């Protein structure tokens, strides 16, 4: 399980959410709870799409995949 920094801002009748560390992960919701849940899904989708794109670009190439742990 990874930890990210979620940022929420109220705009009109909506809550707008984004993730500081992950460009493209953003969403909205009518309530703060809805925006939180939507943002979790957005993070999952961005990571899955990025992973799929990277694997397509590496197809047919000799690559090494390994876990990378970074302490911040």
Protein backbone atom coordinates (compact mmCIF):
# COMPACT_ATOMS: atom_id res chain seq x y z
CA UNK A 1 0.00 0.00 0.00
CA UNK A 2 1.42 3.36 -1.03
CA UNK A 3 0.81 6.75 0.55
CA UNK A 4 0.17 9.90 -1.46
CA UNK A 5 -0.80 13.46 -0.60
CA UNK A 6 -4.38 14.25 -1.54
CA UNK A 7 -5.39 17.90 -1.95
CA UNK A 8 -9.06 18.93 -1.89
CA UNK A 9 -10.63 22.26 -2.70
CA UNK A 10 -14.28 23.24 -2.65
CA UNK A 11 -15.51 24.94 -5.82
CA UNK A 12 -19.16 25.80 -5.98
CA UNK A 13 -21.13 22.70 -5.03
CA UNK A 14 -18.24 20.36 -5.79
CA UNK A 15 -15.08 19.10 -4.12
CA UNK A 16 -12.10 18.94 -6.48
CA UNK A 17 -9.33 16.51 -5.57
CA UNK A 18 -5.82 15.86 -6.88
CA UNK A 19 -2.66 14.05 -5.82
CA UNK A 20 0.50 16.14 -5.40
CA UNK A 21 2.86 13.32 -6.36
CA UNK A 22 0.96 11.95 -9.35
CA UNK A 23 0.21 14.17 -12.33
CA UNK A 24 -3.09 13.31 -13.95
CA UNK A 25 -4.72 11.91 -10.82
CA UNK A 26 -7.60 14.27 -10.21
CA UNK A 27 -11.34 14.06 -9.72
CA UNK A 28 -14.40 15.68 -8.25
CA UNK A 29 -17.35 14.78 -6.06
CA UNK A 30 -20.47 16.35 -4.62
CA UNK A 31 -19.22 15.54 -1.12
CA UNK A 32 -15.73 15.33 0.33
CA UNK A 33 -16.20 11.60 0.95
CA UNK A 34 -17.24 11.06 -2.67
CA UNK A 35 -14.23 13.03 -3.91
CA UNK A 36 -11.93 10.94 -1.68
CA UNK A 37 -13.26 7.67 -3.06
CA UNK A 38 -13.14 8.96 -6.64
CA UNK A 39 -9.54 10.07 -6.13
CA UNK A 40 -8.51 6.60 -4.95
CA UNK A 41 -9.98 5.16 -8.14
CA UNK A 42 -8.26 7.85 -10.25
CA UNK A 43 -4.87 6.93 -8.72
CA UNK A 44 -5.45 3.25 -9.49
CA UNK A 45 -6.41 4.06 -13.09
CA UNK A 46 -3.43 6.38 -13.69
CA UNK A 47 -0.97 3.81 -12.32
CA UNK A 48 -2.53 0.98 -14.34
CA UNK A 49 -2.52 3.03 -17.55
CA UNK A 50 1.08 4.18 -17.02
CA UNK A 51 2.20 0.60 -16.32
CA UNK A 52 0.44 -0.70 -19.45
CA UNK A 53 1.99 2.02 -21.62
CA UNK A 54 5.49 1.31 -20.25
CA UNK A 55 5.09 -2.43 -20.91
CA UNK A 56 3.93 -1.82 -24.47
CA UNK A 57 6.90 0.45 -25.12
CA UNK A 58 9.28 -2.19 -23.70
CA UNK A 59 7.74 -5.09 -25.62
CA UNK A 60 10.37 -7.02 -27.53
CA UNK A 61 13.24 -5.30 -25.74
CA UNK A 62 15.59 -6.85 -23.21
CA UNK A 63 14.56 -5.11 -19.99
CA UNK A 64 14.90 -5.82 -16.29
CA UNK A 65 11.92 -5.16 -14.05
CA UNK A 66 12.48 -5.02 -10.32
CA UNK A 67 10.86 -3.49 -7.28
CA UNK A 68 12.16 -0.05 -6.37
CA UNK A 69 11.72 1.25 -2.85
CA UNK A 70 12.35 4.93 -2.19
CA UNK A 71 12.32 6.48 1.27
CA UNK A 72 11.11 10.07 1.23
